[in-house]
Amino acid sequence: MKCGVGAIGPVVVAATAATTPSSCGPSSAEIGAGVLVALPLIALAVLGVQVGFVWLWRRFRPTLGVSWVDAAWLVGALAGLAALVAVAGGQKLDVFGIAFWLVGCSYATMTLVTMRILFAVDVGPRVVVLAQALPAVLFAAPAIALLFTRGTHHVSWEDAYVGMCIYPGMGGWVPGALALALVVEALIRGRRGDGRAAGARPGLPGPRAG
């Protein structure tokens, strides 16, 4: 644990008060470890939400689907990294729970925004993985760098990273609103008959490997 984590410090301290024994907040390396261990579960949970939206939007975008092979590679890569950190990292994982929730909400926000853009571009069955690629890199790469900080050393960009972990998701309000907007848009398009006009077919996303 460390004290004096910068401008975002009070937010981190408040968020981790229920899960950490010290009021000084987690160290940089502990933040990185917590995020990395949470990422595969976050990606898996967001994947489930994405499959639901692909099913809804497939009526209007018949080329949409889920590339299960690509999805497995993404989740598998994050799970392998998380396992390595958990087993050999030597860091406490006290912030795992709060990281799962706060980072998960921000991860979902970025994924849903990117996915809606990709719906318009029409990238086919790779839409799920491509939508998660940006948040996966944005959250994983700095977390890996934080693992290599020493003692109470505070890197200059840590506050910005912690802010990115917290504020885009706002504890669930933002991704919840985005998900609702996507559902409403799908229902409106359905009532207008956009799916019939596009010759789309309903049904669950099939196992596509492309």
Protein backbone atom coordinates (compact mmCIF):
# COMPACT_ATOMS: atom_id res chain seq x y z
CA MET A 1 0.00 0.00 0.00
CA LYS A 2 1.06 3.58 -0.50
CA CYS A 3 -0.05 7.07 0.48
CA GLY A 4 -0.19 10.10 -1.73
CA VAL A 5 -1.36 8.65 -5.03
CA GLY A 6 -1.99 12.01 -6.66
CA ALA A 7 -5.12 13.80 -7.78
CA ILE A 8 -7.11 10.58 -8.24
CA GLY A 9 -5.90 9.29 -4.89
CA PRO A 10 -9.06 10.12 -2.90
CA VAL A 11 -11.18 8.26 -5.46
CA VAL A 12 -8.97 5.17 -5.25
CA VAL A 13 -8.93 5.26 -1.46
CA ALA A 14 -12.72 5.56 -1.27
CA ALA A 15 -13.26 2.84 -3.85
CA THR A 16 -10.95 0.37 -2.13
CA ALA A 17 -11.79 1.16 1.49
CA ALA A 18 -14.06 -1.86 1.78
CA THR A 19 -11.56 -4.31 0.32
CA THR A 20 -8.14 -3.12 1.53
CA PRO A 21 -6.80 -2.95 5.09
CA SER A 22 -4.99 0.36 4.68
CA SER A 23 -6.43 3.83 4.20
CA CYS A 24 -3.47 4.77 1.99
CA GLY A 25 -4.85 2.98 -1.06
CA PRO A 26 -3.29 0.34 -3.33
CA SER A 27 0.21 0.62 -4.75
CA SER A 28 0.78 1.11 -8.46
CA ALA A 29 1.72 -2.54 -8.91
CA GLU A 30 -1.38 -3.67 -7.00
CA ILE A 31 -3.59 -1.57 -9.25
CA GLY A 32 -1.99 -3.11 -12.32
CA ALA A 33 -2.33 -6.64 -10.96
CA GLY A 34 -5.96 -6.15 -9.96
CA VAL A 35 -6.90 -4.84 -13.39
CA LEU A 36 -5.08 -7.61 -15.26
CA VAL A 37 -6.67 -10.37 -13.17
CA ALA A 38 -10.12 -8.86 -13.66
CA LEU A 39 -9.83 -8.31 -17.42
CA PRO A 40 -10.63 -11.84 -18.68
CA LEU A 41 -13.81 -12.00 -16.59
CA ILE A 42 -14.74 -8.53 -17.77
CA ALA A 43 -14.17 -9.50 -21.41
CA LEU A 44 -16.28 -12.64 -20.96
CA ALA A 45 -19.14 -10.74 -19.34
CA VAL A 46 -19.10 -8.04 -22.02
CA LEU A 47 -18.98 -10.77 -24.70
CA GLY A 48 -22.29 -12.11 -23.42
CA VAL A 49 -23.85 -8.65 -23.73
CA GLN A 50 -22.43 -8.27 -27.24
CA VAL A 51 -23.91 -11.58 -28.39
CA GLY A 52 -27.32 -10.31 -27.31
CA PHE A 53 -26.94 -7.13 -29.32
CA VAL A 54 -25.69 -9.04 -32.37
CA TRP A 55 -28.86 -11.13 -32.15
CA LEU A 56 -31.01 -7.97 -32.01
CA TRP A 57 -29.18 -6.16 -34.79
CA ARG A 58 -28.87 -9.14 -37.09
CA ARG A 59 -32.37 -8.40 -38.33
CA PHE A 60 -31.01 -5.19 -39.87
CA ARG A 61 -27.44 -6.28 -40.55
CA PRO A 62 -27.63 -9.84 -41.92
CA THR A 63 -23.84 -10.09 -42.20
CA LEU A 64 -23.43 -9.73 -38.43
CA GLY A 65 -22.37 -12.74 -36.42
CA VAL A 66 -19.89 -13.83 -33.78
CA SER A 67 -16.43 -15.10 -34.62
CA TRP A 68 -16.14 -17.53 -31.75
CA VAL A 69 -12.55 -18.45 -32.61
CA ASP A 70 -11.44 -14.81 -32.41
CA ALA A 71 -13.42 -14.35 -29.19
CA ALA A 72 -11.72 -17.41 -27.69
CA TRP A 73 -8.30 -16.04 -28.63
CA LEU A 74 -9.06 -12.70 -26.99
CA VAL A 75 -10.42 -14.13 -23.74
CA GLY A 76 -7.73 -16.83 -23.70
CA ALA A 77 -4.92 -14.29 -24.08
CA LEU A 78 -6.30 -12.16 -21.25
CA ALA A 79 -6.84 -15.25 -19.08
CA GLY A 80 -3.29 -16.42 -19.66
CA LEU A 81 -1.93 -13.02 -18.67
CA ALA A 82 -4.15 -12.95 -15.59
CA ALA A 83 -3.00 -16.42 -14.54
CA LEU A 84 0.62 -15.41 -14.91
CA VAL A 85 0.06 -12.32 -12.76
CA ALA A 86 -1.91 -14.22 -10.12
CA VAL A 87 0.59 -17.07 -9.82
CA ALA A 88 3.95 -15.40 -10.36
CA GLY A 89 3.27 -11.69 -9.93
CA GLY A 90 3.74 -11.61 -6.17
CA GLN A 91 1.18 -8.81 -5.78
CA LYS A 92 -1.82 -8.66 -3.45
CA LEU A 93 -5.15 -8.86 -5.28
CA ASP A 94 -7.17 -6.88 -2.73
CA VAL A 95 -8.45 -4.51 -5.43
CA PHE A 96 -9.73 -7.29 -7.71
CA GLY A 97 -13.40 -6.85 -6.77
CA ILE A 98 -13.52 -3.09 -7.18
CA ALA A 99 -11.39 -3.33 -10.34
CA PHE A 100 -13.84 -5.82 -11.83
CA TRP A 101 -16.75 -3.44 -11.25
CA LEU A 102 -15.21 -0.05 -12.09
CA VAL A 103 -12.96 -1.18 -14.94
CA GLY A 104 -15.72 -3.46 -16.19
CA CYS A 105 -18.15 -0.56 -16.49
CA SER A 106 -15.62 1.58 -18.35
CA TYR A 107 -14.61 -1.37 -20.55
CA ALA A 108 -18.28 -1.94 -21.40
CA THR A 109 -18.77 1.74 -22.24
CA MET A 110 -15.89 1.76 -24.72
CA THR A 111 -16.96 -1.57 -26.21
CA LEU A 112 -20.58 -0.53 -26.76
CA VAL A 113 -19.62 2.78 -28.36
CA THR A 114 -17.12 1.07 -30.67
CA MET A 115 -19.59 -1.70 -31.46
CA ARG A 116 -22.30 0.76 -32.51
CA ILE A 117 -19.84 2.46 -34.86
CA LEU A 118 -18.85 -0.92 -36.30
CA PHE A 119 -22.53 -1.81 -36.82
CA ALA A 120 -22.70 1.11 -39.25
CA VAL A 121 -19.42 0.18 -40.96
CA ASP A 122 -20.49 -3.48 -41.19
CA VAL A 123 -17.39 -5.55 -40.44
CA GLY A 124 -19.24 -8.85 -40.33
CA PRO A 125 -18.70 -11.51 -37.64
CA ARG A 126 -15.51 -9.86 -36.35
CA VAL A 127 -17.53 -7.02 -34.85
CA VAL A 128 -17.43 -8.52 -31.35
CA VAL A 129 -13.66 -8.89 -31.12
CA LEU A 130 -12.89 -5.64 -32.93
CA ALA A 131 -15.14 -3.74 -30.52
CA GLN A 132 -13.26 -5.18 -27.55
CA ALA A 133 -9.79 -4.76 -29.04
CA LEU A 134 -9.51 -1.05 -28.16
CA PRO A 135 -10.50 -1.28 -24.48
CA ALA A 136 -8.50 -4.50 -24.03
CA VAL A 137 -5.31 -2.77 -25.16
CA LEU A 138 -6.06 0.52 -23.38
CA PHE A 139 -6.57 -1.21 -20.03
CA ALA A 140 -4.04 -4.04 -20.28
CA ALA A 141 -0.95 -2.22 -21.60
CA PRO A 142 -0.71 0.43 -18.83
CA ALA A 143 -1.57 -2.20 -16.19
CA ILE A 144 1.40 -4.30 -17.33
CA ALA A 145 3.64 -1.23 -17.04
CA LEU A 146 2.36 -0.56 -13.50
CA LEU A 147 3.50 -4.04 -12.44
CA PHE A 148 7.09 -2.96 -12.85
CA THR A 149 6.92 0.07 -10.53
CA ARG A 150 8.92 -0.20 -7.34
CA GLY A 151 7.83 0.50 -3.77
CA THR A 152 5.80 3.69 -3.38
CA HIS A 153 7.02 5.14 -6.69
CA HIS A 154 4.19 6.97 -8.44
CA VAL A 155 4.40 7.20 -12.23
CA SER A 156 3.28 10.49 -13.76
CA TRP A 157 0.51 8.99 -15.88
CA GLU A 158 -1.04 6.78 -13.20
CA ASP A 159 -3.74 9.29 -12.28
CA ALA A 160 -4.86 9.50 -15.89
CA TYR A 161 -4.99 5.71 -16.13
CA VAL A 162 -6.98 5.31 -12.92
CA GLY A 163 -9.33 8.02 -14.15
CA MET A 164 -9.83 6.07 -17.39
CA CYS A 165 -10.65 3.02 -15.30
CA ILE A 166 -13.33 4.86 -13.33
CA TYR A 167 -14.97 7.73 -15.17
CA PRO A 168 -16.08 6.37 -18.58
CA GLY A 169 -18.28 3.81 -16.84
CA MET A 170 -19.40 5.93 -13.87
CA GLY A 171 -20.18 2.83 -11.84
CA GLY A 172 -22.54 1.42 -14.44
CA TRP A 173 -24.68 4.42 -15.35
CA VAL A 174 -23.05 5.09 -18.72
CA PRO A 175 -22.96 1.53 -20.11
CA GLY A 176 -26.48 0.99 -18.79
CA ALA A 177 -27.72 4.03 -20.69
CA LEU A 178 -25.87 2.97 -23.84
CA ALA A 179 -27.28 -0.55 -23.65
CA LEU A 180 -30.79 0.84 -23.25
CA ALA A 181 -30.28 3.14 -26.23
CA LEU A 182 -29.13 0.23 -28.40
CA VAL A 183 -32.16 -1.84 -27.39
CA VAL A 184 -34.56 1.04 -28.10
CA GLU A 185 -32.94 1.69 -31.47
CA ALA A 186 -33.24 -2.00 -32.37
CA LEU A 187 -36.93 -2.02 -31.40
CA ILE A 188 -37.62 1.13 -33.43
CA ARG A 189 -35.89 -0.33 -36.46
CA GLY A 190 -37.89 -3.51 -36.01
CA ARG A 191 -41.20 -1.65 -35.97
CA ARG A 192 -40.21 0.25 -39.11
CA GLY A 193 -39.50 -3.04 -40.84
CA ASP A 194 -35.83 -2.30 -41.52
CA GLY A 195 -34.99 -5.97 -41.15
CA ARG A 196 -37.47 -7.07 -43.82
CA ALA A 197 -36.23 -4.37 -46.15
CA ALA A 198 -32.66 -5.56 -45.72
CA GLY A 199 -33.60 -9.19 -46.20
CA ALA A 200 -32.20 -10.03 -42.80
CA ARG A 201 -32.99 -13.22 -40.96
CA PRO A 202 -33.50 -13.50 -37.21
CA GLY A 203 -31.90 -16.13 -35.03
CA LEU A 204 -28.99 -16.57 -32.69
CA PRO A 205 -25.51 -15.78 -34.01
CA GLY A 206 -24.05 -18.91 -35.51
CA PRO A 207 -20.60 -20.35 -34.81
CA ARG A 208 -18.54 -18.50 -37.36
CA ALA A 209 -14.82 -18.97 -37.47
CA GLY A 210 -13.97 -16.13 -39.83
